[in-house]
Amino acid sequence: MPTVRAASVTIDARTLPAHNRSARIFDTFDKLPVGGILELLEESDPRSLRNEFQQYRPGHFAWDARNLGSGRWTIRLERVDERADTATFLTHCPPFANAKQSTINELAAVATERAYRTGETIFDEGEMWPYLGFVRGGKVVYTLLSPDGKTHALGERLTQDPLNESGTFDGGGATTRAEALTDCTLVLVPTEAILHAVRNDSELALGFLAASSQARRRSIDTIADLAFAHVLQRVAKFLMSYAPATVGMAPGLPGVENLSQAQIAAAAGTVRDMAARALIRLKNAAAVELDRGRVRSIDRARLEAFAHGVQAPPV
């Protein structure tokens, strides 16, 4: 049976007031020693909180969020040393949480690191990429190109997230294109080494199975959004990951000001003109503030209402 270390502190984030929610979480996290774990109970996708940690505590935390269904999420935040070696870094990646230390050491010995510049292609859809990658720093985006030439963003991968799981375990080509959304560094582990490791370490195999199950939940959520949510709702949902946990209008989380309307459209599975119309609707409803067509500030409560589809008819 897996041995899961107990959390040092547990907070029911659903009960925290919006005006100081993030401040209380960061304050509790900052008091943890290296190796200490903060467990949070949430009721919705915690992407905005992860973006906050990515911006303000880069390299200092390990993130493991689990969607348990029916509006139940658990997030385990471990305080880590940003100077950790490759073996220690792999230990903090969720699939390796209960793997044998000898397994991790063997994989670290054959792993390499590679840096990518913003916009650089990591692998293309269908490519036989010979690695399982893990994001060590920065952001990666998965995209697909439709037959009519439109690019659709399927999601971002942040620190400790894996890349190319499907190609690694089913022997096929990459299911999407992966591109560096920001300057980033990846830890690359050869596919054959990963396959050998999971054959000999059942806890590692279970770790990847759990990660695969979470990926399936994300895929179902994405499919449901594309099938049932209108464009305005999808744009609002995407921008929620940049919404600060504050009351009223406030500057969006770092990075939102760099998002072009084309990038927002790709993330929402639509075209630029439709995304632009949605942004104007959100602006007119005082859910966002725009500067030259780009989002600068967000009213989290108002935006959340649009994300839940309770504010307006479809765009």
Protein backbone atom coordinates (compact mmCIF):
# COMPACT_ATOMS: atom_id res chain seq x y z
CA MET A 1 0.00 0.00 0.00
CA PRO A 2 1.24 3.54 -0.71
CA THR A 3 2.51 5.55 2.20
CA VAL A 4 1.16 9.11 2.00
CA ARG A 5 2.84 11.54 4.38
CA ALA A 6 0.45 13.40 6.63
CA ALA A 7 -0.06 17.09 6.00
CA SER A 8 1.62 19.48 8.43
CA VAL A 9 -1.42 21.78 8.18
CA THR A 10 -4.87 21.36 6.65
CA ILE A 11 -7.05 24.31 5.63
CA ASP A 12 -10.61 24.20 4.35
CA ALA A 13 -10.14 26.93 1.74
CA ARG A 14 -13.89 26.95 1.08
CA THR A 15 -14.39 28.76 4.38
CA LEU A 16 -11.78 31.49 3.85
CA PRO A 17 -13.06 35.03 3.13
CA ALA A 18 -12.26 36.20 -0.39
CA HIS A 19 -10.54 39.42 0.64
CA ASN A 20 -7.59 37.68 2.34
CA ARG A 21 -7.85 34.10 1.12
CA SER A 22 -4.58 34.02 -0.81
CA ALA A 23 -2.72 35.96 1.88
CA ARG A 24 -3.69 33.41 4.53
CA ILE A 25 -2.70 30.47 2.34
CA PHE A 26 0.68 32.02 1.49
CA ASP A 27 1.29 32.95 5.13
CA THR A 28 0.64 29.38 6.25
CA PHE A 29 2.80 27.95 3.47
CA ASP A 30 5.70 30.30 4.25
CA LYS A 31 5.79 29.05 7.84
CA LEU A 32 6.33 25.45 6.73
CA PRO A 33 9.83 23.96 6.93
CA VAL A 34 11.30 22.38 3.81
CA GLY A 35 9.41 19.10 3.45
CA GLY A 36 6.33 20.45 5.23
CA ILE A 37 2.96 19.89 3.56
CA LEU A 38 -0.08 22.17 3.42
CA GLU A 39 -3.29 20.42 2.40
CA LEU A 40 -6.16 22.51 1.03
CA LEU A 41 -9.78 21.49 0.53
CA GLU A 42 -11.38 23.24 -2.45
CA GLU A 43 -14.68 23.11 -4.34
CA SER A 44 -13.48 24.18 -7.79
CA ASP A 45 -10.47 24.01 -10.10
CA PRO A 46 -7.58 25.72 -8.23
CA ARG A 47 -5.72 26.89 -11.36
CA SER A 48 -5.63 30.53 -10.27
CA LEU A 49 -4.02 29.59 -6.95
CA ARG A 50 -1.43 27.51 -8.76
CA ASN A 51 -0.68 30.44 -11.06
CA GLU A 52 -0.18 32.62 -7.99
CA PHE A 53 2.31 30.16 -6.52
CA GLN A 54 4.01 29.81 -9.90
CA GLN A 55 4.47 33.59 -10.01
CA TYR A 56 5.33 34.34 -6.39
CA ARG A 57 7.00 31.15 -5.09
CA PRO A 58 8.67 29.64 -8.19
CA GLY A 59 10.77 26.62 -7.37
CA HIS A 60 9.71 26.59 -3.73
CA PHE A 61 6.65 24.33 -3.90
CA ALA A 62 5.49 20.96 -5.16
CA TRP A 63 1.86 20.83 -6.29
CA ASP A 64 -0.46 17.82 -6.33
CA ALA A 65 -4.12 18.66 -7.03
CA ARG A 66 -6.73 15.91 -7.20
CA ASN A 67 -10.21 16.35 -8.65
CA LEU A 68 -12.36 13.92 -6.69
CA GLY A 69 -15.58 14.80 -8.52
CA SER A 70 -18.81 16.43 -7.31
CA GLY A 71 -17.07 19.71 -6.54
CA ARG A 72 -14.40 18.17 -4.29
CA TRP A 73 -10.71 18.95 -4.72
CA THR A 74 -7.69 18.30 -2.54
CA ILE A 75 -4.41 20.14 -3.06
CA ARG A 76 -1.17 19.14 -1.37
CA LEU A 77 1.48 21.87 -1.35
CA GLU A 78 4.92 20.77 -0.19
CA ARG A 79 7.64 23.29 0.54
CA VAL A 80 10.76 22.29 -1.40
CA ASP A 81 14.31 23.48 -2.00
CA GLU A 82 14.61 25.16 -5.40
CA ARG A 83 18.25 24.01 -5.61
CA ALA A 84 17.31 20.33 -5.39
CA ASP A 85 19.12 17.84 -7.63
CA THR A 86 17.31 15.87 -10.34
CA ALA A 87 16.49 12.91 -8.10
CA THR A 88 14.90 15.17 -5.50
CA PHE A 89 13.00 17.06 -8.20
CA LEU A 90 11.53 13.79 -9.53
CA THR A 91 10.50 12.84 -6.00
CA HIS A 92 8.30 15.95 -5.95
CA CYS A 93 6.52 15.06 -9.21
CA PRO A 94 3.18 13.40 -8.24
CA PRO A 95 3.69 10.05 -10.07
CA PHE A 96 6.90 9.47 -8.08
CA ALA A 97 5.44 10.25 -4.65
CA ASN A 98 5.58 6.63 -3.46
CA ALA A 99 8.17 5.17 -5.83
CA LYS A 100 11.25 3.40 -4.49
CA GLN A 101 14.19 5.71 -3.93
CA SER A 102 16.36 3.32 -5.94
CA THR A 103 13.96 3.68 -8.88
CA ILE A 104 14.13 7.46 -8.71
CA ASN A 105 17.93 7.42 -8.48
CA GLU A 106 18.20 5.17 -11.55
CA LEU A 107 15.95 7.46 -13.60
CA ALA A 108 17.74 10.59 -12.42
CA ALA A 109 21.03 9.08 -13.57
CA VAL A 110 19.83 8.84 -17.19
CA ALA A 111 17.77 12.05 -17.23
CA THR A 112 18.92 15.22 -18.97
CA GLU A 113 17.81 18.84 -18.78
CA ARG A 114 17.04 21.06 -21.74
CA ALA A 115 16.02 24.71 -21.96
CA TYR A 116 13.47 26.00 -24.49
CA ARG A 117 12.78 29.59 -25.50
CA THR A 118 9.30 31.11 -25.63
CA GLY A 119 7.47 29.87 -28.73
CA GLU A 120 9.89 27.01 -29.41
CA THR A 121 8.35 23.68 -30.38
CA ILE A 122 9.13 20.86 -27.98
CA PHE A 123 7.44 18.17 -30.06
CA ASP A 124 4.83 18.09 -32.82
CA GLU A 125 1.56 16.21 -32.99
CA GLY A 126 2.31 12.68 -34.17
CA GLU A 127 6.04 12.91 -33.45
CA MET A 128 7.73 9.87 -31.91
CA TRP A 129 9.33 11.87 -29.12
CA PRO A 130 11.62 9.48 -27.20
CA TYR A 131 11.15 10.99 -23.74
CA LEU A 132 8.78 11.45 -20.87
CA GLY A 133 9.32 15.08 -19.94
CA PHE A 134 8.72 16.99 -16.72
CA VAL A 135 8.51 20.76 -16.49
CA ARG A 136 11.21 22.01 -14.13
CA GLY A 137 10.51 25.70 -14.66
CA GLY A 138 8.31 27.89 -16.86
CA LYS A 139 5.15 26.96 -18.77
CA VAL A 140 4.34 24.66 -21.68
CA VAL A 141 1.12 24.71 -23.72
CA TYR A 142 -0.51 21.79 -25.57
CA THR A 143 -2.16 22.70 -28.88
CA LEU A 144 -3.97 21.02 -31.76
CA LEU A 145 -4.35 22.29 -35.33
CA SER A 146 -7.82 21.84 -36.82
CA PRO A 147 -8.31 20.87 -40.50
CA ASP A 148 -9.20 24.49 -41.31
CA GLY A 149 -5.96 25.77 -39.82
CA LYS A 150 -7.20 27.01 -36.45
CA THR A 151 -5.01 26.40 -33.41
CA HIS A 152 -6.75 25.21 -30.26
CA ALA A 153 -4.98 25.31 -26.89
CA LEU A 154 -5.77 22.24 -24.80
CA GLY A 155 -4.11 23.32 -21.58
CA GLU A 156 -0.93 24.43 -19.90
CA ARG A 157 1.70 22.33 -18.16
CA LEU A 158 3.48 23.88 -15.19
CA THR A 159 6.30 22.90 -12.83
CA GLN A 160 6.40 19.13 -12.09
CA ASP A 161 3.78 18.34 -14.74
CA PRO A 162 4.58 15.49 -17.17
CA LEU A 163 4.73 15.75 -20.96
CA ASN A 164 4.09 13.01 -23.56
CA GLU A 165 2.51 10.45 -21.25
CA SER A 166 0.43 8.88 -24.04
CA GLY A 167 3.35 8.49 -26.42
CA THR A 168 5.46 7.03 -23.62
CA PHE A 169 3.04 4.35 -22.51
CA ASP A 170 1.18 3.33 -25.68
CA GLY A 171 4.13 3.52 -28.07
CA GLY A 172 2.38 5.89 -30.48
CA GLY A 173 3.13 9.41 -31.59
CA ALA A 174 2.48 12.49 -29.51
CA THR A 175 -1.24 13.28 -29.22
CA THR A 176 -0.70 17.06 -29.38
CA ARG A 177 1.89 19.68 -30.18
CA ALA A 178 3.83 21.02 -27.18
CA GLU A 179 5.24 24.54 -27.25
CA ALA A 180 7.12 26.63 -24.70
CA LEU A 181 4.59 29.22 -23.52
CA THR A 182 7.40 30.94 -21.62
CA ASP A 183 11.11 30.27 -21.38
CA CYS A 184 11.19 26.88 -19.71
CA THR A 185 13.40 24.02 -18.58
CA LEU A 186 12.44 20.36 -18.92
CA VAL A 187 13.80 17.21 -17.33
CA LEU A 188 13.83 14.53 -20.05
CA VAL A 189 13.76 10.84 -19.08
CA PRO A 190 14.21 8.29 -21.90
CA THR A 191 11.04 6.34 -22.65
CA GLU A 192 12.72 2.95 -22.30
CA ALA A 193 14.00 3.86 -18.84
CA ILE A 194 10.49 4.84 -17.73
CA LEU A 195 8.97 1.62 -19.08
CA HIS A 196 11.63 -0.47 -17.34
CA ALA A 197 10.99 1.39 -14.09
CA VAL A 198 7.21 0.90 -14.06
CA ARG A 199 7.65 -2.82 -14.77
CA ASN A 200 9.74 -3.11 -11.63
CA ASP A 201 8.09 -0.63 -9.25
CA SER A 202 4.36 -1.11 -8.71
CA GLU A 203 3.99 2.13 -6.73
CA LEU A 204 5.42 4.09 -9.64
CA ALA A 205 2.97 2.34 -11.97
CA LEU A 206 0.10 3.26 -9.64
CA GLY A 207 1.36 6.84 -9.55
CA PHE A 208 1.19 7.10 -13.32
CA LEU A 209 -2.23 5.42 -13.31
CA ALA A 210 -3.53 8.05 -10.88
CA ALA A 211 -2.03 10.82 -13.02
CA SER A 212 -3.68 9.30 -16.10
CA SER A 213 -7.04 9.22 -14.32
CA GLN A 214 -6.72 12.90 -13.43
CA ALA A 215 -5.81 13.69 -17.05
CA ARG A 216 -8.96 11.85 -18.16
CA ARG A 217 -11.06 13.99 -15.82
CA ARG A 218 -9.50 17.13 -17.31
CA SER A 219 -10.20 15.88 -20.83
CA ILE A 220 -13.84 15.20 -20.00
CA ASP A 221 -14.18 18.69 -18.51
CA THR A 222 -12.67 20.19 -21.67
CA ILE A 223 -14.98 18.17 -23.93
CA ALA A 224 -17.99 19.17 -21.83
CA ASP A 225 -17.03 22.84 -22.08
CA LEU A 226 -16.65 22.66 -25.86
CA ALA A 227 -19.93 20.77 -26.22
CA PHE A 228 -22.17 22.61 -23.78
CA ALA A 229 -20.64 25.98 -22.79
CA HIS A 230 -21.03 29.03 -25.02
CA VAL A 231 -18.02 31.15 -26.01
CA LEU A 232 -18.60 33.81 -23.35
CA GLN A 233 -18.59 31.16 -20.64
CA ARG A 234 -15.46 29.46 -22.00
CA VAL A 235 -13.54 32.75 -22.20
CA ALA A 236 -14.57 33.57 -18.63
CA LYS A 237 -13.50 30.11 -17.42
CA PHE A 238 -10.09 30.50 -19.01
CA LEU A 239 -9.56 33.95 -17.50
CA MET A 240 -10.51 32.64 -14.05
CA SER A 241 -7.04 31.12 -13.83
CA TYR A 242 -5.70 34.70 -13.81
CA ALA A 243 -8.27 36.10 -11.36
CA PRO A 244 -6.83 37.23 -8.01
CA ALA A 245 -8.61 36.02 -4.88
CA THR A 246 -9.76 39.51 -3.94
CA VAL A 247 -13.01 41.46 -3.69
CA GLY A 248 -13.80 43.90 -6.49
CA MET A 249 -11.72 44.89 -9.49
CA ALA A 250 -7.99 44.19 -9.10
CA PRO A 251 -4.99 43.67 -11.41
CA GLY A 252 -5.00 40.20 -12.94
CA LEU A 253 -2.30 37.71 -12.05
CA PRO A 254 1.03 38.25 -13.86
CA GLY A 255 0.92 37.04 -17.42
CA VAL A 256 -2.69 37.93 -18.21
CA GLU A 257 -1.60 41.26 -19.69
CA ASN A 258 0.52 39.36 -22.23
CA LEU A 259 -2.35 37.26 -23.56
CA SER A 260 -3.40 38.23 -27.07
CA GLN A 261 -6.98 37.83 -28.21
CA ALA A 262 -5.77 35.06 -30.52
CA GLN A 263 -4.30 33.17 -27.53
CA ILE A 264 -7.51 33.59 -25.54
CA ALA A 265 -9.50 32.38 -28.55
CA ALA A 266 -7.29 29.29 -28.89
CA ALA A 267 -7.70 28.49 -25.20
CA ALA A 268 -11.49 28.88 -25.46
CA GLY A 269 -11.76 26.82 -28.63
CA THR A 270 -13.05 29.64 -30.81
CA VAL A 271 -11.88 32.27 -33.29
CA ARG A 272 -10.37 35.66 -32.50
CA ASP A 273 -13.46 37.70 -33.46
CA MET A 274 -15.69 35.69 -31.13
CA ALA A 275 -13.19 35.98 -28.29
CA ALA A 276 -13.01 39.75 -28.86
CA ARG A 277 -16.80 40.00 -28.64
CA ALA A 278 -16.76 38.01 -25.40
CA LEU A 279 -14.11 40.30 -23.91
CA ILE A 280 -16.22 43.36 -24.76
CA ARG A 281 -19.23 41.75 -23.06
CA LEU A 282 -17.14 41.05 -19.97
CA LYS A 283 -15.82 44.60 -20.00
CA ASN A 284 -19.32 46.09 -20.29
CA ALA A 285 -20.41 43.96 -17.34
CA ALA A 286 -17.46 45.26 -15.26
CA ALA A 287 -16.02 41.75 -14.99
CA VAL A 288 -12.72 42.80 -16.61
CA GLU A 289 -10.88 45.94 -17.59
CA LEU A 290 -9.15 46.07 -20.96
CA ASP A 291 -6.19 48.07 -22.22
CA ARG A 292 -5.83 48.05 -26.01
CA GLY A 293 -7.85 44.86 -26.15
CA ARG A 294 -5.84 43.02 -23.50
CA VAL A 295 -7.04 42.11 -20.03
CA ARG A 296 -5.47 44.17 -17.26
CA SER A 297 -7.82 43.83 -14.27
CA ILE A 298 -10.44 41.31 -13.17
CA ASP A 299 -13.38 41.31 -10.79
CA ARG A 300 -13.26 37.70 -9.66
CA ALA A 301 -16.86 37.45 -8.41
CA ARG A 302 -18.34 38.96 -11.58
CA LEU A 303 -16.13 36.86 -13.85
CA GLU A 304 -16.99 33.72 -11.89
CA ALA A 305 -20.69 34.34 -12.51
CA PHE A 306 -20.04 34.35 -16.26
CA ALA A 307 -17.84 31.24 -15.95
CA HIS A 308 -20.77 29.45 -14.32
CA GLY A 309 -23.09 30.57 -17.11
CA VAL A 310 -25.51 32.51 -14.91
CA GLN A 311 -24.95 36.06 -16.19
CA ALA A 312 -25.82 36.32 -19.83
CA PRO A 313 -27.18 34.58 -22.94
CA PRO A 314 -24.66 33.04 -25.34
CA VAL A 315 -22.28 35.09 -27.46
